Amino acid sequence: MTEVTKTTEHKGPSTIAKAASLGMAALGSSAAGNHFAGNTVDHADHGHSVARWVAAALSFTGFIIGGPLFPFAMWPAVIICGAFQVLALIAVVVLNATGFGVPDVWGQLKAEAAAERASA
């Protein structure tokens, strides 16, 4: 009697997942970048830092208030809300410099994953 073995082949992420991951990686998502690259290394973080939360809150506030006002040509309010976007960029840089950000270990994780694949 012959034994039949069944093998399954992992196809990897779909084209849609790759496209979404590429966009998310371009925006700074370490999880998406790892997924897109096919790595199995856990991501460094989800942006859990004071610097990133403050910047996201400032940007979100500016968008939520200024976005609906833009079509009605309420220019002073739109300009002030646009300033929130610029302030968000400045805040994240300043807070990262003062130690409220999470250190970027993406390069280190990629090197460790490459070493693991090479040794396997």
PDB file of N, CA and C in Angstrom:
ATOM      1  N   MET A   1       0.827  -1.155   0.000  1.00  0.00           N
ATOM      2  CA  MET A   1       0.000   0.000   0.000  1.00  0.00           C
ATOM      3  C   MET A   1       0.890   1.243   0.000  1.00  0.00           C
ATOM      4  N   THR A   2       0.568   2.197  -0.826  1.00  0.00           N
ATOM      5  CA  THR A   2       1.384   3.419  -0.894  1.00  0.00           C
ATOM      6  C   THR A   2       0.774   4.497  -0.015  1.00  0.00           C
ATOM      7  N   GLU A   3       1.660   5.264   0.531  1.00  0.00           N
ATOM      8  CA  GLU A   3       1.207   6.340   1.415  1.00  0.00           C
ATOM      9  C   GLU A   3       1.196   7.653   0.634  1.00  0.00           C
ATOM     10  N   VAL A   4       0.109   8.340   0.721  1.00  0.00           N
ATOM     11  CA  VAL A   4      -0.022   9.620   0.041  1.00  0.00           C
ATOM     12  C   VAL A   4       0.185  10.728   1.065  1.00  0.00           C
ATOM     13  N   THR A   5       1.111  11.608   0.749  1.00  0.00           N
ATOM     14  CA  THR A   5       1.334  12.733   1.660  1.00  0.00           C
ATOM     15  C   THR A   5       0.803  14.001   1.015  1.00  0.00           C
ATOM     16  N   LYS A   6       0.228  14.784   1.827  1.00  0.00           N
ATOM     17  CA  LYS A   6      -0.342  16.024   1.339  1.00  0.00           C
ATOM     18  C   LYS A   6       0.526  17.190   1.827  1.00  0.00           C
ATOM     19  N   THR A   7       0.966  17.997   0.893  1.00  0.00           N
ATOM     20  CA  THR A   7       1.749  19.171   1.270  1.00  0.00           C
ATOM     21  C   THR A   7       0.956  20.418   0.938  1.00  0.00           C
ATOM     22  N   THR A   8       1.084  21.360   1.797  1.00  0.00           N
ATOM     23  CA  THR A   8       0.415  22.638   1.548  1.00  0.00           C
ATOM     24  C   THR A   8       1.472  23.690   1.295  1.00  0.00           C
ATOM     25  N   GLU A   9       1.192  24.506   0.345  1.00  0.00           N
ATOM     26  CA  GLU A   9       2.122  25.572  -0.010  1.00  0.00           C
ATOM     27  C   GLU A   9       1.533  26.896   0.438  1.00  0.00           C
ATOM     28  N   HIS A  10       2.342  27.649   1.180  1.00  0.00           N
ATOM     29  CA  HIS A  10       1.883  28.965   1.635  1.00  0.00           C
ATOM     30  C   HIS A  10       2.111  29.959   0.505  1.00  0.00           C
ATOM     31  N   LYS A  11       1.011  30.542   0.032  1.00  0.00           N
ATOM     32  CA  LYS A  11       1.090  31.449  -1.105  1.00  0.00           C
ATOM     33  C   LYS A  11       1.585  32.832  -0.725  1.00  0.00           C
ATOM     34  N   GLY A  12       1.544  33.170   0.550  1.00  0.00           N
ATOM     35  CA  GLY A  12       1.952  34.505   0.971  1.00  0.00           C
ATOM     36  C   GLY A  12       0.781  35.459   0.915  1.00  0.00           C
ATOM     37  N   PRO A  13       1.056  36.713   1.199  1.00  0.00           N
ATOM     38  CA  PRO A  13      -0.030  37.688   1.235  1.00  0.00           C
ATOM     39  C   PRO A  13      -0.607  37.952  -0.152  1.00  0.00           C
ATOM     40  N   SER A  14      -1.884  38.287  -0.183  1.00  0.00           N
ATOM     41  CA  SER A  14      -2.540  38.581  -1.449  1.00  0.00           C
ATOM     42  C   SER A  14      -2.046  39.907  -2.006  1.00  0.00           C
ATOM     43  N   THR A  15      -2.391  40.172  -3.242  1.00  0.00           N
ATOM     44  CA  THR A  15      -1.990  41.420  -3.887  1.00  0.00           C
ATOM     45  C   THR A  15      -2.578  42.619  -3.163  1.00  0.00           C
ATOM     46  N   ILE A  16      -3.807  42.497  -2.710  1.00  0.00           N
ATOM     47  CA  ILE A  16      -4.448  43.593  -1.977  1.00  0.00           C
ATOM     48  C   ILE A  16      -3.718  43.841  -0.665  1.00  0.00           C
ATOM     49  N   ALA A  17      -3.361  42.777   0.047  1.00  0.00           N
ATOM     50  CA  ALA A  17      -2.641  42.932   1.309  1.00  0.00           C
ATOM     51  C   ALA A  17      -1.277  43.558   1.078  1.00  0.00           C
ATOM     52  N   LYS A  18      -0.611  43.175  -0.006  1.00  0.00           N
ATOM     53  CA  LYS A  18       0.692  43.766  -0.319  1.00  0.00           C
ATOM     54  C   LYS A  18       0.554  45.251  -0.614  1.00  0.00           C
ATOM     55  N   ALA A  19      -0.469  45.624  -1.381  1.00  0.00           N
ATOM     56  CA  ALA A  19      -0.670  47.038  -1.712  1.00  0.00           C
ATOM     57  C   ALA A  19      -0.988  47.838  -0.454  1.00  0.00           C
ATOM     58  N   ALA A  20      -1.846  47.304   0.398  1.00  0.00           N
ATOM     59  CA  ALA A  20      -2.186  48.002   1.643  1.00  0.00           C
ATOM     60  C   ALA A  20      -0.966  48.102   2.546  1.00  0.00           C
ATOM     61  N   SER A  21      -0.193  47.035   2.631  1.00  0.00           N
ATOM     62  CA  SER A  21       0.996  47.043   3.470  1.00  0.00           C
ATOM     63  C   SER A  21       2.031  48.035   2.959  1.00  0.00           C
ATOM     64  N   LEU A  22       2.154  48.139   1.657  1.00  0.00           N
ATOM     65  CA  LEU A  22       3.108  49.091   1.089  1.00  0.00           C
ATOM     66  C   LEU A  22       2.720  50.514   1.460  1.00  0.00           C
ATOM     67  N   GLY A  23       1.431  50.821   1.352  1.00  0.00           N
ATOM     68  CA  GLY A  23       0.967  52.154   1.734  1.00  0.00           C
ATOM     69  C   GLY A  23       1.152  52.421   3.209  1.00  0.00           C
ATOM     70  N   MET A  24       0.857  51.422   4.047  1.00  0.00           N
ATOM     71  CA  MET A  24       1.015  51.599   5.486  1.00  0.00           C
ATOM     72  C   MET A  24       2.485  51.722   5.868  1.00  0.00           C
ATOM     73  N   ALA A  25       3.348  50.964   5.191  1.00  0.00           N
ATOM     74  CA  ALA A  25       4.779  51.065   5.471  1.00  0.00           C
ATOM     75  C   ALA A  25       5.309  52.436   5.080  1.00  0.00           C
ATOM     76  N   ALA A  26       4.768  53.000   3.991  1.00  0.00           N
ATOM     77  CA  ALA A  26       5.189  54.339   3.582  1.00  0.00           C
ATOM     78  C   ALA A  26       4.785  55.379   4.608  1.00  0.00           C
ATOM     79  N   LEU A  27       3.735  55.096   5.366  1.00  0.00           N
ATOM     80  CA  LEU A  27       3.288  56.015   6.409  1.00  0.00           C
ATOM     81  C   LEU A  27       3.961  55.735   7.750  1.00  0.00           C
ATOM     82  N   GLY A  28       4.839  54.736   7.787  1.00  0.00           N
ATOM     83  CA  GLY A  28       5.607  54.505   8.998  1.00  0.00           C
ATOM     84  C   GLY A  28       5.187  53.326   9.844  1.00  0.00           C
ATOM     85  N   SER A  29       4.309  52.479   9.376  1.00  0.00           N
ATOM     86  CA  SER A  29       3.867  51.339  10.157  1.00  0.00           C
ATOM     87  C   SER A  29       4.900  50.223  10.081  1.00  0.00           C
ATOM     88  N   SER A  30       5.524  49.909  11.211  1.00  0.00           N
ATOM     89  CA  SER A  30       6.522  48.852  11.218  1.00  0.00           C
ATOM     90  C   SER A  30       5.873  47.485  11.019  1.00  0.00           C
ATOM     91  N   ALA A  31       4.639  47.313  11.501  1.00  0.00           N
ATOM     92  CA  ALA A  31       3.943  46.040  11.340  1.00  0.00           C
ATOM     93  C   ALA A  31       3.668  45.771   9.867  1.00  0.00           C
ATOM     94  N   ALA A  32       3.207  46.785   9.164  1.00  0.00           N
ATOM     95  CA  ALA A  32       2.896  46.620   7.747  1.00  0.00           C
ATOM     96  C   ALA A  32       4.157  46.382   6.947  1.00  0.00           C
ATOM     97  N   GLY A  33       5.215  47.069   7.281  1.00  0.00           N
ATOM     98  CA  GLY A  33       6.477  46.881   6.564  1.00  0.00           C
ATOM     99  C   GLY A  33       7.004  45.472   6.722  1.00  0.00           C
ATOM    100  N   ASN A  34       6.897  44.925   7.926  1.00  0.00           N
ATOM    101  CA  ASN A  34       7.315  43.550   8.157  1.00  0.00           C
ATOM    102  C   ASN A  34       6.469  42.586   7.351  1.00  0.00           C
ATOM    103  N   HIS A  35       5.155  42.785   7.347  1.00  0.00           N
ATOM    104  CA  HIS A  35       4.243  41.906   6.617  1.00  0.00           C
ATOM    105  C   HIS A  35       4.523  41.970   5.122  1.00  0.00           C
ATOM    106  N   PHE A  36       4.730  43.174   4.611  1.00  0.00           N
ATOM    107  CA  PHE A  36       4.974  43.342   3.181  1.00  0.00           C
ATOM    108  C   PHE A  36       6.275  42.666   2.772  1.00  0.00           C
ATOM    109  N   ALA A  37       7.289  42.762   3.627  1.00  0.00           N
ATOM    110  CA  ALA A  37       8.589  42.170   3.312  1.00  0.00           C
ATOM    111  C   ALA A  37       8.590  40.661   3.492  1.00  0.00           C
ATOM    112  N   GLY A  38       7.521  40.109   4.056  1.00  0.00           N
ATOM    113  CA  GLY A  38       7.442  38.668   4.256  1.00  0.00           C
ATOM    114  C   GLY A  38       8.160  38.210   5.512  1.00  0.00           C
ATOM    115  N   ASN A  39       8.541  39.125   6.367  1.00  0.00           N
ATOM    116  CA  ASN A  39       9.236  38.766   7.597  1.00  0.00           C
ATOM    117  C   ASN A  39       8.244  38.250   8.628  1.00  0.00           C
ATOM    118  N   THR A  40       8.744  37.424   9.514  1.00  0.00           N
ATOM    119  CA  THR A  40       7.906  36.916  10.585  1.00  0.00           C
ATOM    120  C   THR A  40       8.263  37.551  11.917  1.00  0.00           C
ATOM    121  N   VAL A  41       9.184  38.506  11.893  1.00  0.00           N
ATOM    122  CA  VAL A  41       9.591  39.175  13.118  1.00  0.00           C
ATOM    123  C   VAL A  41       8.457  40.070  13.588  1.00  0.00           C
ATOM    124  N   ASP A  42       8.167  40.033  14.881  1.00  0.00           N
ATOM    125  CA  ASP A  42       7.150  40.921  15.417  1.00  0.00           C
ATOM    126  C   ASP A  42       7.590  42.365  15.232  1.00  0.00           C
ATOM    127  N   HIS A  43       6.636  43.213  15.048  1.00  0.00           N
ATOM    128  CA  HIS A  43       6.947  44.621  14.868  1.00  0.00           C
ATOM    129  C   HIS A  43       7.393  45.239  16.179  1.00  0.00           C
ATOM    130  N   ALA A  44       8.084  46.363  16.079  1.00  0.00           N
ATOM    131  CA  ALA A  44       8.645  46.998  17.261  1.00  0.00           C
ATOM    132  C   ALA A  44       7.564  47.615  18.135  1.00  0.00           C
ATOM    133  N   ASP A  45       6.597  48.258  17.554  1.00  0.00           N
ATOM    134  CA  ASP A  45       5.556  48.908  18.322  1.00  0.00           C
ATOM    135  C   ASP A  45       4.420  49.303  17.404  1.00  0.00           C
ATOM    136  N   HIS A  46       3.338  49.755  18.009  1.00  0.00           N
ATOM    137  CA  HIS A  46       2.197  50.271  17.255  1.00  0.00           C
ATOM    138  C   HIS A  46       2.120  51.782  17.382  1.00  0.00           C
ATOM    139  N   GLY A  47       3.229  52.421  17.693  1.00  0.00           N
ATOM    140  CA  GLY A  47       3.211  53.856  17.897  1.00  0.00           C
ATOM    141  C   GLY A  47       2.812  54.225  19.303  1.00  0.00           C
ATOM    142  N   HIS A  48       3.039  53.323  20.253  1.00  0.00           N
ATOM    143  CA  HIS A  48       2.668  53.595  21.638  1.00  0.00           C
ATOM    144  C   HIS A  48       3.721  54.478  22.285  1.00  0.00           C
ATOM    145  N   SER A  49       3.622  55.768  22.044  1.00  0.00           N
ATOM    146  CA  SER A  49       4.506  56.719  22.698  1.00  0.00           C
ATOM    147  C   SER A  49       3.768  58.040  22.822  1.00  0.00           C
ATOM    148  N   VAL A  50       4.195  58.811  23.791  1.00  0.00           N
ATOM    149  CA  VAL A  50       3.564  60.108  24.009  1.00  0.00           C
ATOM    150  C   VAL A  50       3.708  60.973  22.770  1.00  0.00           C
ATOM    151  N   ALA A  51       4.886  60.942  22.152  1.00  0.00           N
ATOM    152  CA  ALA A  51       5.132  61.787  20.974  1.00  0.00           C
ATOM    153  C   ALA A  51       4.153  61.483  19.848  1.00  0.00           C
ATOM    154  N   ARG A  52       3.929  60.237  19.565  1.00  0.00           N
ATOM    155  CA  ARG A  52       3.056  59.863  18.451  1.00  0.00           C
ATOM    156  C   ARG A  52       1.588  60.121  18.773  1.00  0.00           C
ATOM    157  N   TRP A  53       1.193  59.899  20.024  1.00  0.00           N
ATOM    158  CA  TRP A  53      -0.192  60.155  20.394  1.00  0.00           C
ATOM    159  C   TRP A  53      -0.519  61.645  20.362  1.00  0.00           C
ATOM    160  N   VAL A  54       0.410  62.485  20.827  1.00  0.00           N
ATOM    161  CA  VAL A  54       0.192  63.935  20.798  1.00  0.00           C
ATOM    162  C   VAL A  54       0.077  64.413  19.353  1.00  0.00           C
ATOM    163  N   ALA A  55       0.987  63.946  18.505  1.00  0.00           N
ATOM    164  CA  ALA A  55       0.948  64.352  17.097  1.00  0.00           C
ATOM    165  C   ALA A  55      -0.343  63.883  16.429  1.00  0.00           C
ATOM    166  N   ALA A  56      -0.758  62.666  16.729  1.00  0.00           N
ATOM    167  CA  ALA A  56      -2.004  62.163  16.132  1.00  0.00           C
ATOM    168  C   ALA A  56      -3.207  62.962  16.619  1.00  0.00           C
ATOM    169  N   ALA A  57      -3.232  63.329  17.891  1.00  0.00           N
ATOM    170  CA  ALA A  57      -4.350  64.107  18.433  1.00  0.00           C
ATOM    171  C   ALA A  57      -4.407  65.502  17.810  1.00  0.00           C
ATOM    172  N   LEU A  58      -3.257  66.147  17.672  1.00  0.00           N
ATOM    173  CA  LEU A  58      -3.222  67.475  17.048  1.00  0.00           C
ATOM    174  C   LEU A  58      -3.677  67.410  15.595  1.00  0.00           C
ATOM    175  N   SER A  59      -3.152  66.430  14.868  1.00  0.00           N
ATOM    176  CA  SER A  59      -3.508  66.293  13.458  1.00  0.00           C
ATOM    177  C   SER A  59      -4.987  65.965  13.293  1.00  0.00           C
ATOM    178  N   PHE A  60      -5.485  65.063  14.114  1.00  0.00           N
ATOM    179  CA  PHE A  60      -6.900  64.668  14.046  1.00  0.00           C
ATOM    180  C   PHE A  60      -7.808  65.851  14.351  1.00  0.00           C
ATOM    181  N   THR A  61      -7.450  66.627  15.365  1.00  0.00           N
ATOM    182  CA  THR A  61      -8.241  67.803  15.723  1.00  0.00           C
ATOM    183  C   THR A  61      -8.299  68.793  14.566  1.00  0.00           C
ATOM    184  N   GLY A  62      -7.145  69.062  13.968  1.00  0.00           N
ATOM    185  CA  GLY A  62      -7.111  69.978  12.832  1.00  0.00           C
ATOM    186  C   GLY A  62      -7.931  69.484  11.660  1.00  0.00           C
ATOM    187  N   PHE A  63      -7.890  68.190  11.409  1.00  0.00           N
ATOM    188  CA  PHE A  63      -8.629  67.616  10.284  1.00  0.00           C
ATOM    189  C   PHE A  63     -10.139  67.636  10.542  1.00  0.00           C
ATOM    190  N   ILE A  64     -10.539  67.232  11.736  1.00  0.00           N
ATOM    191  CA  ILE A  64     -11.966  67.144  12.055  1.00  0.00           C
ATOM    192  C   ILE A  64     -12.627  68.522  12.046  1.00  0.00           C
ATOM    193  N   ILE A  65     -11.937  69.522  12.541  1.00  0.00           N
ATOM    194  CA  ILE A  65     -12.527  70.864  12.575  1.00  0.00           C
ATOM    195  C   ILE A  65     -12.370  71.577  11.240  1.00  0.00           C
ATOM    196  N   GLY A  66     -11.169  71.527  10.664  1.00  0.00           N
ATOM    197  CA  GLY A  66     -10.901  72.272   9.429  1.00  0.00           C
ATOM    198  C   GLY A  66     -11.478  71.643   8.182  1.00  0.00           C
ATOM    199  N   GLY A  67     -11.573  70.318   8.147  1.00  0.00           N
ATOM    200  CA  GLY A  67     -12.091  69.636   6.961  1.00  0.00           C
ATOM    201  C   GLY A  67     -13.495  70.060   6.569  1.00  0.00           C
ATOM    202  N   PRO A  68     -14.438  70.005   7.489  1.00  0.00           N
ATOM    203  CA  PRO A  68     -15.806  70.430   7.141  1.00  0.00           C
ATOM    204  C   PRO A  68     -15.926  71.929   6.855  1.00  0.00           C
ATOM    205  N   LEU A  69     -15.036  72.738   7.412  1.00  0.00           N
ATOM    206  CA  LEU A  69     -15.117  74.182   7.198  1.00  0.00           C
ATOM    207  C   LEU A  69     -14.549  74.604   5.845  1.00  0.00           C
ATOM    208  N   PHE A  70     -13.682  73.777   5.275  1.00  0.00           N
ATOM    209  CA  PHE A  70     -13.025  74.120   4.015  1.00  0.00           C
ATOM    210  C   PHE A  70     -14.010  74.408   2.875  1.00  0.00           C
ATOM    211  N   PRO A  71     -15.036  73.592   2.640  1.00  0.00           N
ATOM    212  CA  PRO A  71     -15.957  73.876   1.530  1.00  0.00           C
ATOM    213  C   PRO A  71     -16.768  75.164   1.718  1.00  0.00           C
ATOM    214  N   PHE A  72     -16.886  75.602   2.961  1.00  0.00           N
ATOM    215  CA  PHE A  72     -17.667  76.816   3.232  1.00  0.00           C
ATOM    216  C   PHE A  72     -16.802  78.075   3.238  1.00  0.00           C
ATOM    217  N   ALA A  73     -15.548  77.931   2.852  1.00  0.00           N
ATOM    218  CA  ALA A  73     -14.606  79.043   2.733  1.00  0.00           C
ATOM    219  C   ALA A  73     -14.469  79.845   4.022  1.00  0.00           C
ATOM    220  N   MET A  74     -14.432  79.165   5.134  1.00  0.00           N
ATOM    221  CA  MET A  74     -14.172  79.821   6.414  1.00  0.00           C
ATOM    222  C   MET A  74     -12.657  79.828   6.621  1.00  0.00           C
ATOM    223  N   TRP A  75     -12.001  80.671   5.859  1.00  0.00           N
ATOM    224  CA  TRP A  75     -10.550  80.632   5.735  1.00  0.00           C
ATOM    225  C   TRP A  75      -9.786  80.833   7.031  1.00  0.00           C
ATOM    226  N   PRO A  76     -10.162  81.731   7.907  1.00  0.00           N
ATOM    227  CA  PRO A  76      -9.388  81.841   9.155  1.00  0.00           C
ATOM    228  C   PRO A  76      -9.367  80.521   9.949  1.00  0.00           C
ATOM    229  N   ALA A  77     -10.518  79.864  10.041  1.00  0.00           N
ATOM    230  CA  ALA A  77     -10.574  78.595  10.771  1.00  0.00           C
ATOM    231  C   ALA A  77      -9.783  77.510  10.043  1.00  0.00           C
ATOM    232  N   VAL A  78      -9.865  77.489   8.720  1.00  0.00           N
ATOM    233  CA  VAL A  78      -9.124  76.487   7.942  1.00  0.00           C
ATOM    234  C   VAL A  78      -7.630  76.698   8.112  1.00  0.00           C
ATOM    235  N   ILE A  79      -7.183  77.941   8.106  1.00  0.00           N
ATOM    236  CA  ILE A  79      -5.756  78.229   8.269  1.00  0.00           C
ATOM    237  C   ILE A  79      -5.285  77.820   9.663  1.00  0.00           C
ATOM    238  N   ILE A  80      -6.093  78.118  10.677  1.00  0.00           N
ATOM    239  CA  ILE A  80      -5.728  77.717  12.041  1.00  0.00           C
ATOM    240  C   ILE A  80      -5.656  76.191  12.144  1.00  0.00           C
ATOM    241  N   CYS A  81      -6.596  75.489  11.532  1.00  0.00           N
ATOM    242  CA  CYS A  81      -6.583  74.021  11.571  1.00  0.00           C
ATOM    243  C   CYS A  81      -5.435  73.452  10.753  1.00  0.00           C
ATOM    244  N   GLY A  82      -5.047  74.148   9.681  1.00  0.00           N
ATOM    245  CA  GLY A  82      -3.851  73.748   8.937  1.00  0.00           C
ATOM    246  C   GLY A  82      -2.601  73.914   9.782  1.00  0.00           C
ATOM    247  N   ALA A  83      -2.614  74.939  10.627  1.00  0.00           N
ATOM    248  CA  ALA A  83      -1.487  75.135  11.547  1.00  0.00           C
ATOM    249  C   ALA A  83      -1.384  73.978  12.538  1.00  0.00           C
ATOM    250  N   PHE A  84      -2.517  73.363  12.879  1.00  0.00           N
ATOM    251  CA  PHE A  84      -2.490  72.176  13.737  1.00  0.00           C
ATOM    252  C   PHE A  84      -1.696  71.046  13.077  1.00  0.00           C
ATOM    253  N   GLN A  85      -1.812  70.916  11.746  1.00  0.00           N
ATOM    254  CA  GLN A  85      -1.065  69.876  11.035  1.00  0.00           C
ATOM    255  C   GLN A  85       0.440  70.123  11.147  1.00  0.00           C
ATOM    256  N   VAL A  86       0.826  71.375  10.954  1.00  0.00           N
ATOM    257  CA  VAL A  86       2.246  71.731  11.068  1.00  0.00           C
ATOM    258  C   VAL A  86       2.709  71.556  12.512  1.00  0.00           C
ATOM    259  N   LEU A  87       1.878  71.954  13.463  1.00  0.00           N
ATOM    260  CA  LEU A  87       2.207  71.805  14.873  1.00  0.00           C
ATOM    261  C   LEU A  87       2.379  70.325  15.242  1.00  0.00           C
ATOM    262  N   ALA A  88       1.582  69.458  14.641  1.00  0.00           N
ATOM    263  CA  ALA A  88       1.711  68.020  14.904  1.00  0.00           C
ATOM    264  C   ALA A  88       3.088  67.521  14.463  1.00  0.00           C
ATOM    265  N   LEU A  89       3.555  67.976  13.302  1.00  0.00           N
ATOM    266  CA  LEU A  89       4.883  67.569  12.821  1.00  0.00           C
ATOM    267  C   LEU A  89       5.982  68.076  13.750  1.00  0.00           C
ATOM    268  N   ILE A  90       5.849  69.311  14.176  1.00  0.00           N
ATOM    269  CA  ILE A  90       6.845  69.883  15.080  1.00  0.00           C
ATOM    270  C   ILE A  90       6.813  69.166  16.430  1.00  0.00           C
ATOM    271  N   ALA A  91       5.621  68.899  16.938  1.00  0.00           N
ATOM    272  CA  ALA A  91       5.478  68.259  18.248  1.00  0.00           C
ATOM    273  C   ALA A  91       6.120  66.874  18.276  1.00  0.00           C
ATOM    274  N   VAL A  92       5.920  66.085  17.235  1.00  0.00           N
ATOM    275  CA  VAL A  92       6.480  64.734  17.252  1.00  0.00           C
ATOM    276  C   VAL A  92       8.008  64.778  17.209  1.00  0.00           C
ATOM    277  N   VAL A  93       8.568  65.713  16.469  1.00  0.00           N
ATOM    278  CA  VAL A  93      10.033  65.827  16.410  1.00  0.00           C
ATOM    279  C   VAL A  93      10.583  66.273  17.763  1.00  0.00           C
ATOM    280  N   VAL A  94       9.952  67.300  18.351  1.00  0.00           N
ATOM    281  CA  VAL A  94      10.423  67.817  19.639  1.00  0.00           C
ATOM    282  C   VAL A  94      10.259  66.764  20.738  1.00  0.00           C
ATOM    283  N   LEU A  95       9.105  66.111  20.793  1.00  0.00           N
ATOM    284  CA  LEU A  95       8.885  65.111  21.834  1.00  0.00           C
ATOM    285  C   LEU A  95       9.791  63.892  21.663  1.00  0.00           C
ATOM    286  N   ASN A  96      10.072  63.501  20.432  1.00  0.00           N
ATOM    287  CA  ASN A  96      11.028  62.412  20.211  1.00  0.00           C
ATOM    288  C   ASN A  96      12.414  62.812  20.706  1.00  0.00           C
ATOM    289  N   ALA A  97      12.810  64.060  20.427  1.00  0.00           N
ATOM    290  CA  ALA A  97      14.128  64.536  20.842  1.00  0.00           C
ATOM    291  C   ALA A  97      14.254  64.626  22.362  1.00  0.00           C
ATOM    292  N   THR A  98      13.147  64.886  23.048  1.00  0.00           N
ATOM    293  CA  THR A  98      13.192  64.995  24.506  1.00  0.00           C
ATOM    294  C   THR A  98      12.979  63.654  25.206  1.00  0.00           C
ATOM    295  N   GLY A  99      12.854  62.575  24.447  1.00  0.00           N
ATOM    296  CA  GLY A  99      12.786  61.244  25.042  1.00  0.00           C
ATOM    297  C   GLY A  99      11.394  60.682  25.222  1.00  0.00           C
ATOM    298  N   PHE A 100      10.385  61.316  24.653  1.00  0.00           N
ATOM    299  CA  PHE A 100       9.029  60.817  24.790  1.00  0.00           C
ATOM    300  C   PHE A 100       8.612  59.912  23.630  1.00  0.00           C
ATOM    301  N   GLY A 101       9.522  59.618  22.741  1.00  0.00           N
ATOM    302  CA  GLY A 101       9.234  58.728  21.624  1.00  0.00           C
ATOM    303  C   GLY A 101       9.829  57.356  21.867  1.00  0.00           C
ATOM    304  N   VAL A 102       9.382  56.379  21.122  1.00  0.00           N
ATOM    305  CA  VAL A 102       9.931  55.032  21.217  1.00  0.00           C
ATOM    306  C   VAL A 102      11.118  54.950  20.267  1.00  0.00           C
ATOM    307  N   PRO A 103      12.247  54.409  20.711  1.00  0.00           N
ATOM    308  CA  PRO A 103      13.390  54.319  19.821  1.00  0.00           C
ATOM    309  C   PRO A 103      13.076  53.465  18.586  1.00  0.00           C
ATOM    310  N   ASP A 104      13.596  53.878  17.456  1.00  0.00           N
ATOM    311  CA  ASP A 104      13.355  53.160  16.207  1.00  0.00           C
ATOM    312  C   ASP A 104      14.319  51.984  16.113  1.00  0.00           C
ATOM    313  N   VAL A 105      13.784  50.781  16.184  1.00  0.00           N
ATOM    314  CA  VAL A 105      14.616  49.587  16.113  1.00  0.00           C
ATOM    315  C   VAL A 105      14.323  48.781  14.844  1.00  0.00           C
ATOM    316  N   TRP A 106      13.689  49.425  13.860  1.00  0.00           N
ATOM    317  CA  TRP A 106      13.309  48.739  12.631  1.00  0.00           C
ATOM    318  C   TRP A 106      14.523  48.151  11.931  1.00  0.00           C
ATOM    319  N   GLY A 107      15.607  48.925  11.819  1.00  0.00           N
ATOM    320  CA  GLY A 107      16.821  48.430  11.166  1.00  0.00           C
ATOM    321  C   GLY A 107      17.405  47.243  11.900  1.00  0.00           C
ATOM    322  N   GLN A 108      17.410  47.295  13.221  1.00  0.00           N
ATOM    323  CA  GLN A 108      17.925  46.198  14.025  1.00  0.00           C
ATOM    324  C   GLN A 108      17.074  44.941  13.838  1.00  0.00           C
ATOM    325  N   LEU A 109      15.763  45.087  13.825  1.00  0.00           N
ATOM    326  CA  LEU A 109      14.875  43.935  13.631  1.00  0.00           C
ATOM    327  C   LEU A 109      15.075  43.307  12.256  1.00  0.00           C
ATOM    328  N   LYS A 110      15.240  44.142  11.237  1.00  0.00           N
ATOM    329  CA  LYS A 110      15.480  43.608   9.895  1.00  0.00           C
ATOM    330  C   LYS A 110      16.786  42.835   9.846  1.00  0.00           C
ATOM    331  N   ALA A 111      17.840  43.342  10.496  1.00  0.00           N
ATOM    332  CA  ALA A 111      19.128  42.649  10.507  1.00  0.00           C
ATOM    333  C   ALA A 111      19.026  41.319  11.246  1.00  0.00           C
ATOM    334  N   GLU A 112      18.300  41.298  12.368  1.00  0.00           N
ATOM    335  CA  GLU A 112      18.119  40.050  13.113  1.00  0.00           C
ATOM    336  C   GLU A 112      17.329  39.026  12.306  1.00  0.00           C
ATOM    337  N   ALA A 113      16.302  39.469  11.600  1.00  0.00           N
ATOM    338  CA  ALA A 113      15.515  38.563  10.776  1.00  0.00           C
ATOM    339  C   ALA A 113      16.339  38.002   9.630  1.00  0.00           C
ATOM    340  N   ALA A 114      17.168  38.852   9.032  1.00  0.00           N
ATOM    341  CA  ALA A 114      18.039  38.389   7.937  1.00  0.00           C
ATOM    342  C   ALA A 114      19.053  37.366   8.464  1.00  0.00           C
ATOM    343  N   ALA A 115      19.581  37.593   9.657  1.00  0.00           N
ATOM    344  CA  ALA A 115      20.524  36.644  10.249  1.00  0.00           C
ATOM    345  C   ALA A 115      19.849  35.310  10.549  1.00  0.00           C
ATOM    346  N   GLU A 116      18.613  35.351  11.045  1.00  0.00           N
ATOM    347  CA  GLU A 116      17.872  34.122  11.331  1.00  0.00           C
ATOM    348  C   GLU A 116      17.607  33.342  10.044  1.00  0.00           C
ATOM    349  N   ARG A 117      17.228  34.049   8.966  1.00  0.00           N
ATOM    350  CA  ARG A 117      16.977  33.356   7.701  1.00  0.00           C
ATOM    351  C   ARG A 117      18.256  32.761   7.129  1.00  0.00           C
ATOM    352  N   ALA A 118      19.375  33.465   7.291  1.00  0.00           N
ATOM    353  CA  ALA A 118      20.638  32.973   6.766  1.00  0.00           C
ATOM    354  C   ALA A 118      21.107  31.740   7.530  1.00  0.00           C
ATOM    355  N   SER A 119      20.829  31.690   8.845  1.00  0.00           N
ATOM    356  CA  SER A 119      21.286  30.549   9.639  1.00  0.00           C
ATOM    357  C   SER A 119      20.376  29.328   9.489  1.00  0.00           C
ATOM    358  N   ALA A 120      19.184  29.536   8.988  1.00  0.00           N
ATOM    359  CA  ALA A 120      18.233  28.417   8.874  1.00  0.00           C
ATOM    360  C   ALA A 120      18.498  27.563   7.668  1.00  0.00           C
TER     361      ALA A 120
END
